[in-house]
Amino acid sequence: MNRVNNTTITDTAIATSCLCTKLRATSRKVSRAYDNALRPIGLNANQFSILVAISLLGPVSITDLSEKLAMERTTLTRNLRPLEKEGIVHLQDGYGRTRELTLTVKGKKLLNDARPLWNSVQSKLVEQLGNTDTEMISQLLKQILNLEIST
């Protein structure tokens, strides 16, 4: 096993090159903007993404949804609880032992109300970055999502 000599890696080198740090900071900043836009209707960016995925996938199991969102199943379940409690999503028996998520009528209306709020932030980001950079960033993030990273 190759081991990196810890004495040769400086904190400055880590701070300026760490992809994890840069992605997490960027994610927090962008999420905050979407959270602020969605706040008037009681959603956050994470919940919005979940609703969009359920809308796209139709009845979908928690396992399949967690894979699609690259989210731990337990984290997704924790995020779904308030949505289910508020009558925004419905968890119903599926095939075999699976349970499937669908949007309720209230959930579909909420998602419809959220789209223009999401679009306000999305449009500002695209305007500031430009179409070419936006597409490049989107492709790079997709590429990172598809990497097999082992520890």
N, C-alpha and C. Protein backbone atom coordinates (compact mmCIF):
# COMPACT_ATOMS: atom_id res chain seq x y z
N MET A 1 0.84 -1.16 0.00
CA MET A 1 0.00 0.00 0.00
C MET A 1 0.89 1.24 0.00
N ASN A 2 0.59 2.18 -0.89
CA ASN A 2 1.33 3.43 -0.92
C ASN A 2 0.82 4.36 0.17
N ARG A 3 1.73 4.85 0.95
CA ARG A 3 1.36 5.80 2.00
C ARG A 3 2.01 7.13 1.66
N VAL A 4 1.25 8.17 1.83
CA VAL A 4 1.78 9.51 1.59
C VAL A 4 2.46 9.97 2.86
N ASN A 5 3.63 10.54 2.70
CA ASN A 5 4.36 11.08 3.84
C ASN A 5 3.65 12.35 4.30
N ASN A 6 3.01 12.28 5.47
CA ASN A 6 2.22 13.39 5.98
C ASN A 6 3.02 14.67 6.18
N THR A 7 4.30 14.56 6.37
CA THR A 7 5.10 15.76 6.59
C THR A 7 5.29 16.57 5.32
N THR A 8 5.06 15.98 4.15
CA THR A 8 5.24 16.72 2.90
C THR A 8 3.96 17.42 2.45
N ILE A 9 2.85 17.11 3.09
CA ILE A 9 1.59 17.75 2.72
C ILE A 9 1.33 18.88 3.71
N THR A 10 1.36 20.09 3.19
CA THR A 10 1.15 21.24 4.07
C THR A 10 -0.33 21.58 4.16
N ASP A 11 -0.68 22.25 5.23
CA ASP A 11 -2.07 22.69 5.38
C ASP A 11 -2.46 23.66 4.27
N THR A 12 -1.51 24.47 3.83
CA THR A 12 -1.78 25.40 2.74
C THR A 12 -2.11 24.63 1.47
N ALA A 13 -1.34 23.57 1.20
CA ALA A 13 -1.61 22.76 0.01
C ALA A 13 -2.99 22.12 0.09
N ILE A 14 -3.35 21.64 1.26
CA ILE A 14 -4.67 21.03 1.45
C ILE A 14 -5.76 22.08 1.25
N ALA A 15 -5.60 23.22 1.90
CA ALA A 15 -6.62 24.28 1.84
C ALA A 15 -6.84 24.79 0.43
N THR A 16 -5.79 24.82 -0.38
CA THR A 16 -5.93 25.36 -1.73
C THR A 16 -6.31 24.31 -2.77
N SER A 17 -6.18 23.02 -2.43
CA SER A 17 -6.43 22.00 -3.45
C SER A 17 -7.52 21.00 -3.11
N CYS A 18 -8.02 20.97 -1.89
CA CYS A 18 -8.96 19.93 -1.47
C CYS A 18 -10.30 20.05 -2.18
N LEU A 19 -10.60 19.09 -3.01
CA LEU A 19 -11.86 19.09 -3.74
C LEU A 19 -13.06 18.98 -2.80
N CYS A 20 -12.92 18.19 -1.75
CA CYS A 20 -14.00 18.03 -0.79
C CYS A 20 -14.37 19.37 -0.16
N THR A 21 -13.37 20.09 0.31
CA THR A 21 -13.61 21.39 0.94
C THR A 21 -14.28 22.35 -0.03
N LYS A 22 -13.76 22.41 -1.24
CA LYS A 22 -14.32 23.33 -2.24
C LYS A 22 -15.75 22.96 -2.63
N LEU A 23 -16.01 21.66 -2.82
CA LEU A 23 -17.36 21.23 -3.17
C LEU A 23 -18.34 21.48 -2.04
N ARG A 24 -17.93 21.21 -0.80
CA ARG A 24 -18.81 21.41 0.34
C ARG A 24 -19.12 22.89 0.55
N ALA A 25 -18.11 23.75 0.44
CA ALA A 25 -18.33 25.19 0.60
C ALA A 25 -19.26 25.71 -0.50
N THR A 26 -19.01 25.28 -1.73
CA THR A 26 -19.85 25.67 -2.86
C THR A 26 -21.27 25.18 -2.65
N SER A 27 -21.40 23.95 -2.23
CA SER A 27 -22.72 23.37 -1.99
C SER A 27 -23.48 24.16 -0.93
N ARG A 28 -22.81 24.52 0.15
CA ARG A 28 -23.47 25.30 1.21
C ARG A 28 -23.93 26.66 0.69
N LYS A 29 -23.08 27.33 -0.07
CA LYS A 29 -23.43 28.65 -0.59
C LYS A 29 -24.61 28.59 -1.56
N VAL A 30 -24.56 27.65 -2.48
CA VAL A 30 -25.63 27.51 -3.46
C VAL A 30 -26.92 27.04 -2.78
N SER A 31 -26.80 26.09 -1.87
CA SER A 31 -27.99 25.60 -1.14
C SER A 31 -28.66 26.72 -0.37
N ARG A 32 -27.85 27.59 0.25
CA ARG A 32 -28.40 28.72 1.00
C ARG A 32 -29.26 29.61 0.11
N ALA A 33 -28.79 29.85 -1.11
CA ALA A 33 -29.55 30.70 -2.05
C ALA A 33 -30.88 30.05 -2.40
N TYR A 34 -30.87 28.75 -2.69
CA TYR A 34 -32.12 28.05 -3.00
C TYR A 34 -33.02 27.95 -1.77
N ASP A 35 -32.42 27.70 -0.61
CA ASP A 35 -33.20 27.65 0.64
C ASP A 35 -33.93 28.97 0.87
N ASN A 36 -33.21 30.08 0.70
CA ASN A 36 -33.82 31.40 0.90
C ASN A 36 -34.97 31.64 -0.07
N ALA A 37 -34.81 31.21 -1.31
CA ALA A 37 -35.86 31.41 -2.31
C ALA A 37 -37.09 30.56 -1.99
N LEU A 38 -36.88 29.35 -1.49
CA LEU A 38 -37.99 28.41 -1.24
C LEU A 38 -38.64 28.60 0.13
N ARG A 39 -37.99 29.34 1.01
CA ARG A 39 -38.48 29.53 2.38
C ARG A 39 -39.93 30.02 2.45
N PRO A 40 -40.37 30.96 1.59
CA PRO A 40 -41.75 31.46 1.71
C PRO A 40 -42.83 30.38 1.59
N ILE A 41 -42.51 29.26 0.95
CA ILE A 41 -43.51 28.20 0.85
C ILE A 41 -43.19 27.01 1.76
N GLY A 42 -42.22 27.20 2.64
CA GLY A 42 -41.93 26.20 3.66
C GLY A 42 -41.09 25.02 3.20
N LEU A 43 -40.35 25.18 2.13
CA LEU A 43 -39.47 24.12 1.64
C LEU A 43 -38.02 24.57 1.73
N ASN A 44 -37.13 23.59 1.72
CA ASN A 44 -35.71 23.90 1.55
C ASN A 44 -35.25 23.21 0.26
N ALA A 45 -34.02 23.48 -0.13
CA ALA A 45 -33.49 22.95 -1.40
C ALA A 45 -33.48 21.43 -1.41
N ASN A 46 -33.15 20.83 -0.29
CA ASN A 46 -33.10 19.37 -0.20
C ASN A 46 -34.49 18.78 -0.43
N GLN A 47 -35.48 19.34 0.25
CA GLN A 47 -36.85 18.86 0.10
C GLN A 47 -37.34 19.06 -1.34
N PHE A 48 -37.00 20.20 -1.92
CA PHE A 48 -37.38 20.46 -3.31
C PHE A 48 -36.80 19.39 -4.24
N SER A 49 -35.53 19.06 -4.06
CA SER A 49 -34.90 18.03 -4.89
C SER A 49 -35.59 16.68 -4.73
N ILE A 50 -35.98 16.37 -3.52
CA ILE A 50 -36.68 15.11 -3.25
C ILE A 50 -38.02 15.10 -3.97
N LEU A 51 -38.76 16.20 -3.88
CA LEU A 51 -40.07 16.27 -4.55
C LEU A 51 -39.93 16.16 -6.07
N VAL A 52 -38.93 16.83 -6.62
CA VAL A 52 -38.70 16.74 -8.07
C VAL A 52 -38.40 15.30 -8.47
N ALA A 53 -37.55 14.63 -7.70
CA ALA A 53 -37.19 13.24 -8.02
C ALA A 53 -38.40 12.32 -7.92
N ILE A 54 -39.22 12.50 -6.90
CA ILE A 54 -40.42 11.66 -6.78
C ILE A 54 -41.36 11.94 -7.95
N SER A 55 -41.50 13.20 -8.34
CA SER A 55 -42.34 13.55 -9.47
C SER A 55 -41.86 12.89 -10.75
N LEU A 56 -40.55 12.90 -10.96
CA LEU A 56 -39.98 12.30 -12.17
C LEU A 56 -40.06 10.79 -12.20
N LEU A 57 -39.82 10.17 -11.05
CA LEU A 57 -39.73 8.71 -10.99
C LEU A 57 -41.07 8.02 -10.76
N GLY A 58 -42.10 8.80 -10.44
CA GLY A 58 -43.41 8.20 -10.18
C GLY A 58 -43.36 7.42 -8.88
N PRO A 59 -44.18 6.44 -8.70
CA PRO A 59 -44.03 5.66 -7.48
C PRO A 59 -42.61 5.09 -7.43
N VAL A 60 -41.90 5.40 -6.34
CA VAL A 60 -40.50 5.01 -6.25
C VAL A 60 -40.20 4.57 -4.82
N SER A 61 -39.41 3.52 -4.71
CA SER A 61 -39.03 3.03 -3.38
C SER A 61 -38.02 3.99 -2.75
N ILE A 62 -37.94 3.95 -1.44
CA ILE A 62 -36.97 4.79 -0.73
C ILE A 62 -35.55 4.41 -1.15
N THR A 63 -35.30 3.13 -1.33
CA THR A 63 -33.97 2.66 -1.75
C THR A 63 -33.60 3.23 -3.12
N ASP A 64 -34.52 3.13 -4.08
CA ASP A 64 -34.23 3.65 -5.43
C ASP A 64 -34.07 5.16 -5.41
N LEU A 65 -34.90 5.83 -4.62
CA LEU A 65 -34.80 7.29 -4.53
C LEU A 65 -33.49 7.70 -3.88
N SER A 66 -33.06 7.00 -2.85
CA SER A 66 -31.80 7.35 -2.20
C SER A 66 -30.63 7.15 -3.16
N GLU A 67 -30.68 6.13 -3.98
CA GLU A 67 -29.63 5.92 -4.98
C GLU A 67 -29.63 7.04 -6.02
N LYS A 68 -30.81 7.40 -6.48
CA LYS A 68 -30.94 8.45 -7.49
C LYS A 68 -30.40 9.79 -6.97
N LEU A 69 -30.64 10.06 -5.68
CA LEU A 69 -30.21 11.32 -5.09
C LEU A 69 -28.82 11.25 -4.46
N ALA A 70 -28.17 10.07 -4.53
CA ALA A 70 -26.85 9.86 -3.91
C ALA A 70 -26.90 10.26 -2.44
N MET A 71 -27.96 9.81 -1.76
CA MET A 71 -28.20 10.15 -0.37
C MET A 71 -28.33 8.86 0.43
N GLU A 72 -27.78 8.87 1.63
CA GLU A 72 -27.95 7.70 2.50
C GLU A 72 -29.43 7.46 2.74
N ARG A 73 -29.81 6.20 2.76
CA ARG A 73 -31.22 5.84 2.95
C ARG A 73 -31.77 6.41 4.26
N THR A 74 -31.00 6.36 5.32
CA THR A 74 -31.45 6.87 6.62
C THR A 74 -31.63 8.39 6.58
N THR A 75 -30.75 9.08 5.87
CA THR A 75 -30.86 10.54 5.72
C THR A 75 -32.11 10.89 4.93
N LEU A 76 -32.36 10.13 3.86
CA LEU A 76 -33.56 10.36 3.06
C LEU A 76 -34.80 10.13 3.91
N THR A 77 -34.83 9.05 4.65
CA THR A 77 -35.98 8.74 5.50
C THR A 77 -36.24 9.88 6.48
N ARG A 78 -35.19 10.39 7.09
CA ARG A 78 -35.31 11.51 8.03
C ARG A 78 -35.87 12.75 7.33
N ASN A 79 -35.46 12.99 6.08
CA ASN A 79 -35.95 14.13 5.32
C ASN A 79 -37.38 13.95 4.83
N LEU A 80 -37.79 12.70 4.67
CA LEU A 80 -39.15 12.41 4.20
C LEU A 80 -40.20 12.56 5.30
N ARG A 81 -39.81 12.33 6.55
CA ARG A 81 -40.78 12.35 7.66
C ARG A 81 -41.64 13.61 7.69
N PRO A 82 -41.04 14.81 7.68
CA PRO A 82 -41.89 16.01 7.72
C PRO A 82 -42.76 16.16 6.47
N LEU A 83 -42.26 15.71 5.32
CA LEU A 83 -43.04 15.79 4.09
C LEU A 83 -44.25 14.86 4.15
N GLU A 84 -44.03 13.70 4.74
CA GLU A 84 -45.14 12.75 4.89
C GLU A 84 -46.13 13.27 5.94
N LYS A 85 -45.61 13.79 7.03
CA LYS A 85 -46.45 14.32 8.10
C LYS A 85 -47.34 15.47 7.61
N GLU A 86 -46.80 16.29 6.73
CA GLU A 86 -47.54 17.43 6.18
C GLU A 86 -48.46 17.03 5.03
N GLY A 87 -48.45 15.77 4.65
CA GLY A 87 -49.32 15.31 3.56
C GLY A 87 -48.83 15.69 2.18
N ILE A 88 -47.53 15.88 2.05
CA ILE A 88 -46.92 16.27 0.77
C ILE A 88 -46.51 15.05 -0.03
N VAL A 89 -46.03 14.03 0.66
CA VAL A 89 -45.71 12.75 0.03
C VAL A 89 -46.50 11.66 0.73
N HIS A 90 -46.72 10.58 0.00
CA HIS A 90 -47.45 9.44 0.55
C HIS A 90 -46.59 8.20 0.36
N LEU A 91 -46.45 7.44 1.43
CA LEU A 91 -45.71 6.18 1.40
C LEU A 91 -46.73 5.06 1.41
N GLN A 92 -46.73 4.26 0.34
CA GLN A 92 -47.72 3.20 0.20
C GLN A 92 -47.03 1.87 -0.05
N ASP A 93 -47.73 0.79 0.21
CA ASP A 93 -47.18 -0.54 -0.06
C ASP A 93 -46.97 -0.71 -1.55
N GLY A 94 -45.82 -1.27 -1.88
CA GLY A 94 -45.49 -1.54 -3.28
C GLY A 94 -45.49 -3.04 -3.51
N TYR A 95 -44.58 -3.49 -4.34
CA TYR A 95 -44.46 -4.91 -4.63
C TYR A 95 -43.66 -5.60 -3.54
N GLY A 96 -44.12 -6.74 -3.12
CA GLY A 96 -43.40 -7.50 -2.09
C GLY A 96 -43.33 -6.71 -0.80
N ARG A 97 -42.11 -6.56 -0.30
CA ARG A 97 -41.93 -5.84 0.96
C ARG A 97 -41.57 -4.37 0.76
N THR A 98 -41.52 -3.92 -0.47
CA THR A 98 -41.13 -2.53 -0.72
C THR A 98 -42.29 -1.58 -0.44
N ARG A 99 -41.92 -0.36 -0.12
CA ARG A 99 -42.90 0.70 0.03
C ARG A 99 -42.51 1.79 -0.95
N GLU A 100 -43.50 2.41 -1.55
CA GLU A 100 -43.24 3.38 -2.61
C GLU A 100 -43.76 4.77 -2.25
N LEU A 101 -43.02 5.75 -2.70
CA LEU A 101 -43.37 7.14 -2.47
C LEU A 101 -44.06 7.73 -3.69
N THR A 102 -45.07 8.53 -3.43
CA THR A 102 -45.72 9.32 -4.47
C THR A 102 -45.99 10.71 -3.91
N LEU A 103 -46.19 11.66 -4.80
CA LEU A 103 -46.61 12.99 -4.38
C LEU A 103 -48.12 12.99 -4.21
N THR A 104 -48.59 13.65 -3.17
CA THR A 104 -50.03 13.82 -2.98
C THR A 104 -50.47 15.01 -3.83
N VAL A 105 -51.75 15.28 -3.86
CA VAL A 105 -52.26 16.47 -4.56
C VAL A 105 -51.62 17.72 -3.96
N LYS A 106 -51.54 17.76 -2.63
CA LYS A 106 -50.89 18.88 -1.94
C LYS A 106 -49.42 18.98 -2.34
N GLY A 107 -48.75 17.84 -2.48
CA GLY A 107 -47.35 17.82 -2.88
C GLY A 107 -47.15 18.32 -4.30
N LYS A 108 -48.05 17.94 -5.20
CA LYS A 108 -47.96 18.40 -6.59
C LYS A 108 -48.17 19.91 -6.67
N LYS A 109 -49.11 20.43 -5.88
CA LYS A 109 -49.36 21.87 -5.86
C LYS A 109 -48.14 22.61 -5.30
N LEU A 110 -47.59 22.09 -4.21
CA LEU A 110 -46.42 22.71 -3.60
C LEU A 110 -45.24 22.73 -4.57
N LEU A 111 -45.03 21.63 -5.26
CA LEU A 111 -43.95 21.57 -6.25
C LEU A 111 -44.19 22.58 -7.37
N ASN A 112 -45.43 22.68 -7.80
CA ASN A 112 -45.78 23.66 -8.83
C ASN A 112 -45.51 25.08 -8.35
N ASP A 113 -45.84 25.37 -7.09
CA ASP A 113 -45.59 26.70 -6.52
C ASP A 113 -44.09 26.95 -6.34
N ALA A 114 -43.33 25.90 -6.13
CA ALA A 114 -41.89 26.03 -5.88
C ALA A 114 -41.08 26.27 -7.15
N ARG A 115 -41.57 25.79 -8.26
CA ARG A 115 -40.78 25.89 -9.51
C ARG A 115 -40.34 27.31 -9.85
N PRO A 116 -41.24 28.31 -9.80
CA PRO A 116 -40.78 29.67 -10.13
C PRO A 116 -39.77 30.21 -9.11
N LEU A 117 -39.90 29.81 -7.86
CA LEU A 117 -38.94 30.25 -6.84
C LEU A 117 -37.57 29.64 -7.11
N TRP A 118 -37.56 28.34 -7.45
CA TRP A 118 -36.32 27.67 -7.84
C TRP A 118 -35.72 28.35 -9.07
N ASN A 119 -36.58 28.65 -10.04
CA ASN A 119 -36.12 29.23 -11.29
C ASN A 119 -35.48 30.60 -11.10
N SER A 120 -35.96 31.36 -10.11
CA SER A 120 -35.38 32.68 -9.87
C SER A 120 -33.90 32.56 -9.50
N VAL A 121 -33.56 31.59 -8.66
CA VAL A 121 -32.16 31.39 -8.28
C VAL A 121 -31.38 30.77 -9.44
N GLN A 122 -31.97 29.77 -10.06
CA GLN A 122 -31.30 29.10 -11.18
C GLN A 122 -30.94 30.10 -12.28
N SER A 123 -31.89 30.96 -12.61
CA SER A 123 -31.65 31.96 -13.66
C SER A 123 -30.53 32.92 -13.29
N LYS A 124 -30.50 33.35 -12.02
CA LYS A 124 -29.44 34.25 -11.57
C LYS A 124 -28.07 33.58 -11.66
N LEU A 125 -28.00 32.32 -11.26
CA LEU A 125 -26.73 31.60 -11.34
C LEU A 125 -26.27 31.46 -12.78
N VAL A 126 -27.18 31.07 -13.66
CA VAL A 126 -26.84 30.90 -15.07
C VAL A 126 -26.41 32.24 -15.67
N GLU A 127 -27.12 33.30 -15.30
CA GLU A 127 -26.78 34.64 -15.80
C GLU A 127 -25.37 35.04 -15.36
N GLN A 128 -25.04 34.77 -14.10
CA GLN A 128 -23.73 35.15 -13.59
C GLN A 128 -22.61 34.27 -14.12
N LEU A 129 -22.89 33.00 -14.31
CA LEU A 129 -21.87 32.07 -14.80
C LEU A 129 -21.77 32.04 -16.32
N GLY A 130 -22.87 32.28 -16.98
CA GLY A 130 -22.94 32.13 -18.42
C GLY A 130 -23.32 30.71 -18.78
N ASN A 131 -23.93 30.54 -19.93
CA ASN A 131 -24.41 29.22 -20.35
C ASN A 131 -23.28 28.20 -20.49
N THR A 132 -22.16 28.61 -21.06
CA THR A 132 -21.05 27.68 -21.29
C THR A 132 -20.49 27.16 -19.97
N ASP A 133 -20.22 28.06 -19.03
CA ASP A 133 -19.68 27.63 -17.74
C ASP A 133 -20.70 26.80 -16.96
N THR A 134 -21.98 27.19 -17.04
CA THR A 134 -23.02 26.42 -16.36
C THR A 134 -23.06 24.99 -16.87
N GLU A 135 -23.01 24.83 -18.18
CA GLU A 135 -23.03 23.49 -18.77
C GLU A 135 -21.77 22.71 -18.39
N MET A 136 -20.62 23.39 -18.39
CA MET A 136 -19.37 22.73 -18.04
C MET A 136 -19.41 22.27 -16.58
N ILE A 137 -19.87 23.13 -15.68
CA ILE A 137 -19.97 22.77 -14.27
C ILE A 137 -20.92 21.59 -14.09
N SER A 138 -22.04 21.64 -14.77
CA SER A 138 -23.02 20.55 -14.69
C SER A 138 -22.41 19.23 -15.14
N GLN A 139 -21.66 19.26 -16.23
CA GLN A 139 -21.01 18.05 -16.74
C GLN A 139 -19.94 17.53 -15.78
N LEU A 140 -19.16 18.44 -15.22
CA LEU A 140 -18.12 18.04 -14.26
C LEU A 140 -18.74 17.43 -13.00
N LEU A 141 -19.81 18.04 -12.50
CA LEU A 141 -20.47 17.49 -11.31
C LEU A 141 -21.07 16.12 -11.60
N LYS A 142 -21.63 15.96 -12.78
CA LYS A 142 -22.16 14.64 -13.18
C LYS A 142 -21.03 13.62 -13.25
N GLN A 143 -19.91 14.02 -13.79
CA GLN A 143 -18.74 13.14 -13.88
C GLN A 143 -18.27 12.73 -12.48
N ILE A 144 -18.21 13.67 -11.56
CA ILE A 144 -17.80 13.37 -10.19
C ILE A 144 -18.78 12.41 -9.54
N LEU A 145 -20.08 12.63 -9.75
CA LEU A 145 -21.09 11.74 -9.19
C LEU A 145 -20.91 10.30 -9.67
N ASN A 146 -20.43 10.14 -10.88
CA ASN A 146 -20.28 8.81 -11.47
C ASN A 146 -18.95 8.15 -11.17
N LEU A 147 -18.05 8.85 -10.47
CA LEU A 147 -16.76 8.26 -10.13
C LEU A 147 -16.92 7.15 -9.10
N GLU A 148 -16.08 6.18 -9.19
CA GLU A 148 -15.98 5.13 -8.17
C GLU A 148 -14.81 5.52 -7.28
N ILE A 149 -15.12 6.04 -6.12
CA ILE A 149 -14.08 6.49 -5.21
C ILE A 149 -14.00 5.51 -4.05
N SER A 150 -12.84 4.89 -3.92
CA SER A 150 -12.65 3.93 -2.82
C SER A 150 -11.68 4.52 -1.80
N THR A 151 -11.83 4.06 -0.58
CA THR A 151 -10.94 4.53 0.48
C THR A 151 -9.98 3.46 0.88
